[in-house]
Amino acid sequence: MPNPPLLPGQGHDAHNAVRRTPPKLPEHGPLPGMNNRNNNIWLIIGLFLTGVALLAVGVLYFLTDIFKNSYVYDDGLTHERVMRTGVVPEVEEVPALETVITRSEPRAVSGIGSAGKSPMSLDVDIDSDGRVSGTYWNILYDLRFAVSGRELPDGTLDLMLSLDGVNTPLYLATRDNTGYTGYVGKSKKHASITLSRGSRISETPPDEGYTYHGHIRGNGMSSDFCLSVDDGGHGYYWYPQQGYENRLHVRPLPGSDNILIIEWDGVKLAEISMDTDVEPGARWTGSMVDSNGKRFDITDFY
């Protein structure tokens, strides 16, 4: 029986027509792995933003901590958080450094010197293990620091000064166990001092000349002070809580009623001026301006 005739679209033509028609892909969701890649991208973005936020919080805290109740003293010390009330501050007890240096001669040493542009005194005890403890005074600005640290085998004093929770390094080297030179603070301002055996001996002001009393405040300081001068305007300036042994020299400013506070080598530290144009019997006021131009008000002088 003969084959039936091919209909249009059948045979080779039909086969070719089918191949020319693109197959229809089945409908389906995202390819495997697409959701995981999207999730990873969002996770990375989230972690990055969290890190940026934490960094910003840290920077803000750091800046707030630095500038809150801070004052930079003129002897080059680090930022000190000091709130003066006019009373003798309680010295923070700082444990001595644990490094032990074997020695056989415990002793006390003390003396006066300079740190940066400020006169200072040091009064410390050194035990048989080389541990150091005692007191450091920034004399002009009436700041008392607790001292801890150690004496090295070559006589070098590797110390830490502490006030109001802030620690400041003091490093003093020596060749003769008498004259010491080094630095103070992170900025490494030059420091020098002459130390001798024994603690500072409390001295009593002499009864000669005229002794005045006053109160000074400003730039973080609030302290009572004494000023003793003779008829020529020469004498001493000191703070009662430090003792007369930490006195500074004063002399008249030529051609003026003002008084200069000078260091032991004659370098000017500050200038005092008094307002004497007051009612009879009233207490005087005035000011002290240091060598860096900082002003301190004398609120009571009699």
Protein backbone atom coordinates (compact mmCIF):
# COMPACT_ATOMS: atom_id res chain seq x y z
CA MET A 1 0.00 0.00 0.00
CA PRO A 2 1.47 3.32 -0.88
CA ASN A 3 2.45 5.67 1.94
CA PRO A 4 0.03 8.46 2.63
CA PRO A 5 1.07 11.78 1.27
CA LEU A 6 3.07 13.97 3.56
CA LEU A 7 1.21 16.82 5.02
CA PRO A 8 2.70 20.27 5.11
CA GLY A 9 5.15 20.48 8.03
CA GLN A 10 5.92 16.77 8.07
CA GLY A 11 9.04 14.98 6.95
CA HIS A 12 12.36 16.79 6.63
CA ASP A 13 10.65 20.13 6.56
CA ALA A 14 8.83 19.36 9.78
CA HIS A 15 12.02 18.16 11.45
CA ASN A 16 13.87 21.30 10.43
CA ALA A 17 10.97 23.45 11.62
CA VAL A 18 11.12 21.86 15.04
CA ARG A 19 14.89 22.49 15.35
CA ARG A 20 14.45 26.12 14.32
CA THR A 21 11.98 26.67 17.14
CA PRO A 22 13.87 27.57 20.45
CA PRO A 23 12.95 25.23 23.26
CA LYS A 24 10.92 26.80 26.06
CA LEU A 25 12.80 26.72 29.40
CA PRO A 26 10.87 25.55 32.40
CA GLU A 27 9.94 28.22 34.94
CA HIS A 28 11.98 28.07 38.18
CA GLY A 29 13.26 30.30 41.07
CA PRO A 30 16.78 31.79 41.55
CA LEU A 31 19.68 29.60 40.62
CA PRO A 32 21.33 27.68 43.46
CA GLY A 33 23.73 29.91 45.49
CA MET A 34 22.18 33.28 44.55
CA ASN A 35 20.48 33.75 47.94
CA ASN A 36 23.73 32.94 49.80
CA ARG A 37 25.70 35.50 47.77
CA ASN A 38 23.13 38.21 48.48
CA ASN A 39 23.13 37.36 52.19
CA ASN A 40 26.93 37.53 52.32
CA ILE A 41 26.96 40.95 50.69
CA TRP A 42 24.48 42.34 53.22
CA LEU A 43 26.41 40.73 56.10
CA ILE A 44 29.65 42.39 54.96
CA ILE A 45 27.92 45.77 54.64
CA GLY A 46 26.40 45.38 58.12
CA LEU A 47 29.73 44.49 59.73
CA PHE A 48 31.43 47.44 58.01
CA LEU A 49 28.81 49.91 59.25
CA THR A 50 29.02 48.46 62.78
CA GLY A 51 32.80 48.87 62.79
CA VAL A 52 32.54 52.49 61.65
CA ALA A 53 30.02 53.22 64.43
CA LEU A 54 32.22 51.63 67.10
CA LEU A 55 35.25 53.59 65.87
CA ALA A 56 33.29 56.86 66.01
CA VAL A 57 32.14 56.13 69.58
CA GLY A 58 35.73 55.39 70.62
CA VAL A 59 37.05 58.62 69.12
CA LEU A 60 34.33 60.68 70.82
CA TYR A 61 35.06 59.03 74.18
CA PHE A 62 38.79 59.65 73.78
CA LEU A 63 38.32 63.33 72.94
CA THR A 64 35.84 63.80 75.78
CA ASP A 65 38.21 62.16 78.25
CA ILE A 66 41.12 64.39 77.21
CA PHE A 67 39.40 67.74 77.35
CA LYS A 68 37.19 67.16 80.39
CA ASN A 69 38.54 69.04 83.42
CA SER A 70 42.02 69.16 81.88
CA TYR A 71 44.84 71.66 82.26
CA VAL A 72 48.34 71.60 80.79
CA TYR A 73 50.89 72.84 83.33
CA ASP A 74 53.74 75.07 82.26
CA ASP A 75 56.50 72.66 83.28
CA GLY A 76 55.62 70.43 80.34
CA LEU A 77 53.67 67.80 82.20
CA THR A 78 50.91 65.86 80.51
CA HIS A 79 47.25 66.81 80.71
CA GLU A 80 46.35 66.92 84.38
CA ARG A 81 42.74 66.57 85.56
CA VAL A 82 42.89 68.99 88.49
CA MET A 83 40.07 70.65 90.41
CA ARG A 84 41.63 72.88 93.08
CA THR A 85 39.62 73.84 96.15
CA GLY A 86 42.17 75.85 98.14
CA VAL A 87 42.97 72.98 100.52
CA VAL A 88 46.02 70.75 100.51
CA PRO A 89 45.23 67.93 98.05
CA GLU A 90 45.33 64.39 99.28
CA VAL A 91 48.24 62.66 97.62
CA GLU A 92 47.26 59.54 95.77
CA GLU A 93 49.16 56.50 96.98
CA VAL A 94 50.97 54.91 94.05
CA PRO A 95 52.55 51.49 94.54
CA ALA A 96 56.25 51.34 93.75
CA LEU A 97 57.26 49.56 90.58
CA GLU A 98 57.76 45.85 91.13
CA THR A 99 61.17 45.58 89.50
CA VAL A 100 63.63 44.86 92.32
CA ILE A 101 67.20 46.14 92.28
CA THR A 102 69.30 44.70 95.09
CA ARG A 103 71.02 47.33 97.22
CA SER A 104 72.33 47.41 100.74
CA GLU A 105 71.94 51.05 101.76
CA PRO A 106 68.46 52.47 102.31
CA ARG A 107 68.51 56.25 102.47
CA ALA A 108 66.58 59.50 101.98
CA VAL A 109 67.56 62.11 99.39
CA SER A 110 66.12 65.53 98.67
CA GLY A 111 66.82 68.76 96.85
CA ILE A 112 65.57 71.48 94.52
CA GLY A 113 65.90 71.95 90.77
CA SER A 114 64.00 72.81 87.60
CA ALA A 115 61.63 70.91 85.33
CA GLY A 116 60.93 72.68 82.06
CA LYS A 117 60.50 76.31 83.12
CA SER A 118 59.25 75.51 86.62
CA PRO A 119 61.21 75.16 89.86
CA MET A 120 60.65 71.83 91.57
CA SER A 121 61.66 69.95 94.71
CA LEU A 122 62.07 66.24 95.34
CA ASP A 123 61.99 64.47 98.71
CA VAL A 124 62.14 60.65 98.47
CA ASP A 125 63.15 57.50 100.31
CA ILE A 126 65.09 54.70 98.60
CA ASP A 127 64.84 51.28 100.26
CA SER A 128 67.36 48.43 100.23
CA ASP A 129 65.77 46.99 97.06
CA GLY A 130 66.06 50.25 95.14
CA ARG A 131 62.37 51.15 95.33
CA VAL A 132 61.67 54.88 95.49
CA SER A 133 58.70 56.68 97.10
CA GLY A 134 58.09 60.22 98.27
CA THR A 135 56.94 63.68 97.16
CA TYR A 136 57.57 65.98 94.20
CA TRP A 137 56.50 69.65 94.25
CA ASN A 138 55.97 71.90 91.27
CA ILE A 139 56.83 74.90 93.42
CA LEU A 140 55.47 77.92 91.52
CA TYR A 141 52.11 76.32 90.70
CA ASP A 142 51.78 74.61 94.11
CA LEU A 143 51.26 71.09 92.74
CA ARG A 144 52.09 68.07 94.85
CA PHE A 145 52.80 64.74 93.13
CA ALA A 146 53.24 61.29 94.66
CA VAL A 147 56.49 59.65 93.55
CA SER A 148 57.07 55.96 92.82
CA GLY A 149 59.74 54.16 90.86
CA ARG A 150 63.20 52.68 91.23
CA GLU A 151 66.89 53.46 91.37
CA LEU A 152 68.93 51.65 88.72
CA PRO A 153 72.35 50.09 89.46
CA ASP A 154 74.13 53.12 87.91
CA GLY A 155 72.25 55.55 90.20
CA THR A 156 69.68 56.66 87.61
CA LEU A 157 66.25 57.48 89.05
CA ASP A 158 63.46 56.06 86.87
CA LEU A 159 60.37 57.62 88.47
CA MET A 160 56.65 58.15 87.96
CA LEU A 161 54.78 61.22 89.23
CA SER A 162 51.08 60.88 90.02
CA LEU A 163 48.42 63.55 90.57
CA ASP A 164 44.63 63.22 90.16
CA GLY A 165 44.96 59.85 88.43
CA VAL A 166 47.45 61.07 85.81
CA ASN A 167 50.96 59.58 85.68
CA THR A 168 53.97 61.51 84.35
CA PRO A 169 57.47 60.06 83.89
CA LEU A 170 60.54 61.68 85.46
CA TYR A 171 63.94 60.32 84.43
CA LEU A 172 67.13 61.56 86.14
CA ALA A 173 70.63 60.27 85.41
CA THR A 174 73.75 61.03 87.47
CA ARG A 175 77.51 60.53 87.47
CA ASP A 176 78.23 61.53 91.06
CA ASN A 177 74.96 60.79 92.94
CA THR A 178 74.60 64.53 93.55
CA GLY A 179 73.87 66.31 90.28
CA TYR A 180 71.05 64.78 88.20
CA THR A 181 69.83 65.65 84.70
CA GLY A 182 67.13 64.14 82.52
CA TYR A 183 63.59 64.86 81.41
CA VAL A 184 60.02 65.10 82.66
CA GLY A 185 56.76 64.32 80.86
CA LYS A 186 56.01 62.65 77.55
CA SER A 187 57.33 65.74 75.78
CA LYS A 188 60.68 65.17 77.57
CA LYS A 189 61.18 68.69 78.90
CA HIS A 190 64.66 69.13 80.38
CA ALA A 191 64.96 68.53 84.13
CA SER A 192 67.88 69.03 86.49
CA ILE A 193 68.26 68.82 90.27
CA THR A 194 70.89 68.63 93.00
CA LEU A 195 70.15 65.97 95.62
CA SER A 196 71.75 65.48 99.02
CA ARG A 197 71.36 62.96 101.83
CA GLY A 198 68.38 63.41 104.16
CA SER A 199 64.83 64.70 103.92
CA ARG A 200 63.92 68.36 103.47
CA ILE A 201 64.12 70.09 106.82
CA SER A 202 61.13 72.25 107.68
CA GLU A 203 62.28 75.86 108.03
CA THR A 204 60.63 78.73 109.88
CA PRO A 205 60.43 82.16 108.20
CA PRO A 206 62.58 84.79 109.90
CA ASP A 207 60.92 87.60 111.86
CA GLU A 208 62.56 90.35 109.85
CA GLY A 209 60.95 92.48 107.16
CA TYR A 210 57.25 92.50 106.33
CA THR A 211 55.25 89.32 105.77
CA TYR A 212 51.99 89.46 103.83
CA HIS A 213 49.39 86.79 103.22
CA GLY A 214 47.13 86.28 100.22
CA HIS A 215 45.14 83.91 98.08
CA ILE A 216 45.80 83.25 94.41
CA ARG A 217 43.68 81.42 91.85
CA GLY A 218 43.44 80.76 88.13
CA ASN A 219 44.48 78.20 85.50
CA GLY A 220 43.57 75.33 87.81
CA MET A 221 45.29 76.73 90.91
CA SER A 222 43.69 77.98 94.12
CA SER A 223 46.18 78.41 96.97
CA ASP A 224 47.16 80.55 99.93
CA PHE A 225 50.58 82.17 99.70
CA CYS A 226 53.00 84.31 101.71
CA LEU A 227 55.19 87.19 100.61
CA SER A 228 58.01 88.47 102.82
CA VAL A 229 59.94 91.61 101.76
CA ASP A 230 62.32 94.07 103.34
CA ASP A 231 62.34 97.87 102.93
CA GLY A 232 64.07 97.51 99.57
CA GLY A 233 61.48 95.09 98.19
CA HIS A 234 63.72 92.01 98.31
CA GLY A 235 62.52 88.83 99.97
CA TYR A 236 60.71 85.55 99.38
CA TYR A 237 57.47 84.08 98.03
CA TRP A 238 56.20 80.70 99.25
CA TYR A 239 53.11 78.53 99.87
CA PRO A 240 52.46 77.51 103.51
CA GLN A 241 51.50 73.95 102.55
CA GLN A 242 54.89 73.46 100.88
CA GLY A 243 56.86 75.04 103.69
CA TYR A 244 59.31 77.90 103.82
CA GLU A 245 62.08 75.62 102.50
CA ASN A 246 60.42 75.76 99.05
CA ARG A 247 60.54 79.54 98.90
CA LEU A 248 61.32 81.56 95.77
CA HIS A 249 63.22 84.84 95.67
CA VAL A 250 61.49 88.17 94.97
CA ARG A 251 62.92 91.55 94.04
CA PRO A 252 61.42 94.91 92.98
CA LEU A 253 60.91 95.65 89.31
CA PRO A 254 62.98 98.79 88.58
CA GLY A 255 60.84 101.84 87.85
CA SER A 256 57.65 100.13 89.07
CA ASP A 257 55.79 99.09 92.20
CA ASN A 258 55.60 95.54 90.88
CA ILE A 259 57.54 92.61 92.31
CA LEU A 260 59.34 89.91 90.35
CA ILE A 261 59.41 86.26 91.41
CA ILE A 262 62.74 84.82 90.29
CA GLU A 263 64.36 81.40 90.28
CA TRP A 264 67.57 80.67 92.20
CA ASP A 265 69.68 81.50 89.15
CA GLY A 266 67.92 84.86 88.70
CA VAL A 267 65.59 83.85 85.83
CA LYS A 268 62.20 85.59 85.97
CA LEU A 269 59.31 83.26 86.75
CA ALA A 270 56.42 85.69 87.27
CA GLU A 271 55.50 89.30 88.05
CA ILE A 272 53.16 90.42 90.85
CA SER A 273 51.20 93.67 90.70
CA MET A 274 48.90 94.94 93.46
CA ASP A 275 45.91 97.26 93.32
CA THR A 276 46.44 99.43 96.39
CA ASP A 277 43.75 101.97 95.52
CA VAL A 278 41.18 100.62 97.98
CA GLU A 279 39.21 101.91 100.93
CA PRO A 280 41.20 102.33 104.15
CA GLY A 281 41.31 99.01 106.00
CA ALA A 282 40.19 96.99 102.97
CA ARG A 283 42.29 94.12 101.70
CA TRP A 284 44.20 94.54 98.47
CA THR A 285 43.78 92.60 95.27
CA GLY A 286 46.09 92.10 92.33
CA SER A 287 47.46 89.58 89.87
CA MET A 288 50.41 87.39 89.02
CA VAL A 289 51.47 86.89 85.40
CA ASP A 290 53.97 84.11 84.74
CA SER A 291 56.75 84.09 82.14
CA ASN A 292 54.42 82.37 79.65
CA GLY A 293 51.79 85.13 79.92
CA LYS A 294 49.27 83.19 82.03
CA ARG A 295 47.40 85.35 84.52
CA PHE A 296 46.48 84.39 88.09
CA ASP A 297 44.21 86.59 90.21
CA ILE A 298 45.21 87.58 93.73
CA THR A 299 41.80 87.78 95.36
CA ASP A 300 42.87 88.59 98.93
CA PHE A 301 46.04 90.27 100.16
CA TYR A 302 46.72 91.61 103.62
